[in-house]
C-alpha atoms as a PDB file:
ATOM      1  CA  MET A   1     -10.373 -46.093-128.588  1.00  0.00           C
ATOM      2  CA  LYS A   2      -7.971 -48.147-130.703  1.00  0.00           C
ATOM      3  CA  THR A   3      -9.123 -51.246-132.535  1.00  0.00           C
ATOM      4  CA  TYR A   4      -6.923 -54.343-132.880  1.00  0.00           C
ATOM      5  CA  ILE A   5      -7.207 -57.379-135.164  1.00  0.00           C
ATOM      6  CA  ALA A   6      -5.845 -60.846-134.425  1.00  0.00           C
ATOM      7  CA  LEU A   7      -3.129 -61.947-136.896  1.00  0.00           C
ATOM      8  CA  GLN A   8      -3.189 -65.479-135.415  1.00  0.00           C
ATOM      9  CA  PRO A   9      -5.428 -67.308-132.946  1.00  0.00           C
ATOM     10  CA  VAL A  10      -5.066 -65.995-129.402  1.00  0.00           C
ATOM     11  CA  GLY A  11      -7.310 -66.972-126.452  1.00  0.00           C
ATOM     12  CA  ARG A  12     -10.913 -66.760-127.561  1.00  0.00           C
ATOM     13  CA  PHE A  13     -10.039 -64.844-130.733  1.00  0.00           C
ATOM     14  CA  GLU A  14      -9.518 -66.454-134.143  1.00  0.00           C
ATOM     15  CA  LYS A  15      -7.332 -65.009-136.941  1.00  0.00           C
ATOM     16  CA  GLY A  16      -9.051 -61.947-138.369  1.00  0.00           C
ATOM     17  CA  ASP A  17     -11.222 -61.270-135.298  1.00  0.00           C
ATOM     18  CA  ILE A  18     -11.470 -57.842-133.699  1.00  0.00           C
ATOM     19  CA  VAL A  19      -9.716 -58.129-130.329  1.00  0.00           C
ATOM     20  CA  GLY A  20     -11.220 -56.378-127.289  1.00  0.00           C
ATOM     21  CA  GLY A  21     -11.435 -56.637-123.542  1.00  0.00           C
ATOM     22  CA  LEU A  22      -7.684 -56.949-122.938  1.00  0.00           C
ATOM     23  CA  SER A  23      -5.545 -54.982-120.546  1.00  0.00           C
ATOM     24  CA  ASP A  24      -2.969 -52.471-121.801  1.00  0.00           C
ATOM     25  CA  ASP A  25      -0.178 -54.818-120.767  1.00  0.00           C
ATOM     26  CA  GLN A  26      -1.699 -57.729-122.761  1.00  0.00           C
ATOM     27  CA  ILE A  27      -2.141 -55.518-125.797  1.00  0.00           C
ATOM     28  CA  LYS A  28       1.447 -54.290-125.692  1.00  0.00           C
ATOM     29  CA  ARG A  29       2.775 -57.823-125.275  1.00  0.00           C
ATOM     30  CA  LEU A  30       0.632 -59.217-128.136  1.00  0.00           C
ATOM     31  CA  GLU A  31       1.597 -56.302-130.408  1.00  0.00           C
ATOM     32  CA  ALA A  32       5.279 -56.897-129.632  1.00  0.00           C
ATOM     33  CA  ASP A  33       4.872 -60.591-130.466  1.00  0.00           C
ATOM     34  CA  LYS A  34       3.068 -59.707-133.808  1.00  0.00           C
ATOM     35  CA  ILE A  35      -0.031 -61.604-132.665  1.00  0.00           C
ATOM     36  CA  ILE A  36      -2.329 -58.569-132.965  1.00  0.00           C
ATOM     37  CA  GLU A  37      -2.035 -55.279-134.802  1.00  0.00           C
ATOM     38  CA  GLU A  38      -3.812 -51.965-134.561  1.00  0.00           C
ATOM     39  CA  VAL A  39      -6.453 -51.375-137.303  1.00  0.00           C
ATOM     40  CA  LYS A  40      -5.668 -48.092-138.999  1.00  0.00           C
ATOM     41  CA  PRO A  41      -8.800 -46.222-140.001  1.00  0.00           C
ATOM     42  CA  SER A  42      -8.913 -46.061-143.805  1.00  0.00           C
ATOM     43  CA  ALA A  43      -9.355 -42.689-145.365  1.00  0.00           C
ATOM     44  CA  GLN A  44     -12.768 -42.576-146.898  1.00  0.00           C
ATOM     45  CA  PRO A  45     -12.736 -40.784-150.205  1.00  0.00           C
ATOM     46  CA  LYS A  46     -15.086 -37.820-150.117  1.00  0.00           C
ATOM     47  CA  PRO A  47     -17.903 -38.103-152.686  1.00  0.00           C
ATOM     48  CA  LYS A  48     -17.313 -35.717-155.550  1.00  0.00           C
ATOM     49  CA  GLU A  49     -19.896 -32.933-155.727  1.00  0.00           C
ATOM     50  CA  VAL A  50     -21.562 -32.658-159.103  1.00  0.00           C
ATOM     51  CA  LYS A  51     -23.628 -29.681-160.213  1.00  0.00           C
ATOM     52  CA  THR A  52     -27.011 -30.538-161.605  1.00  0.00           C
ATOM     53  CA  ASP A  53     -29.090 -28.519-164.055  1.00  0.00           C
ATOM     54  CA  GLY A  54     -32.366 -27.542-162.448  1.00  0.00           C
END
């Protein structure tokens, strides 16, 4: 499921809030108007494996 963040206040959401519970049509309209945007999952760097003496 995609996650969206509010770029400006919309309905019950304030700027920076995670937006949810909207229909696909509402999401498309708000994205087109640059009111919300999809949150892209950030690539988590993999911890570097270190050999230990033991």
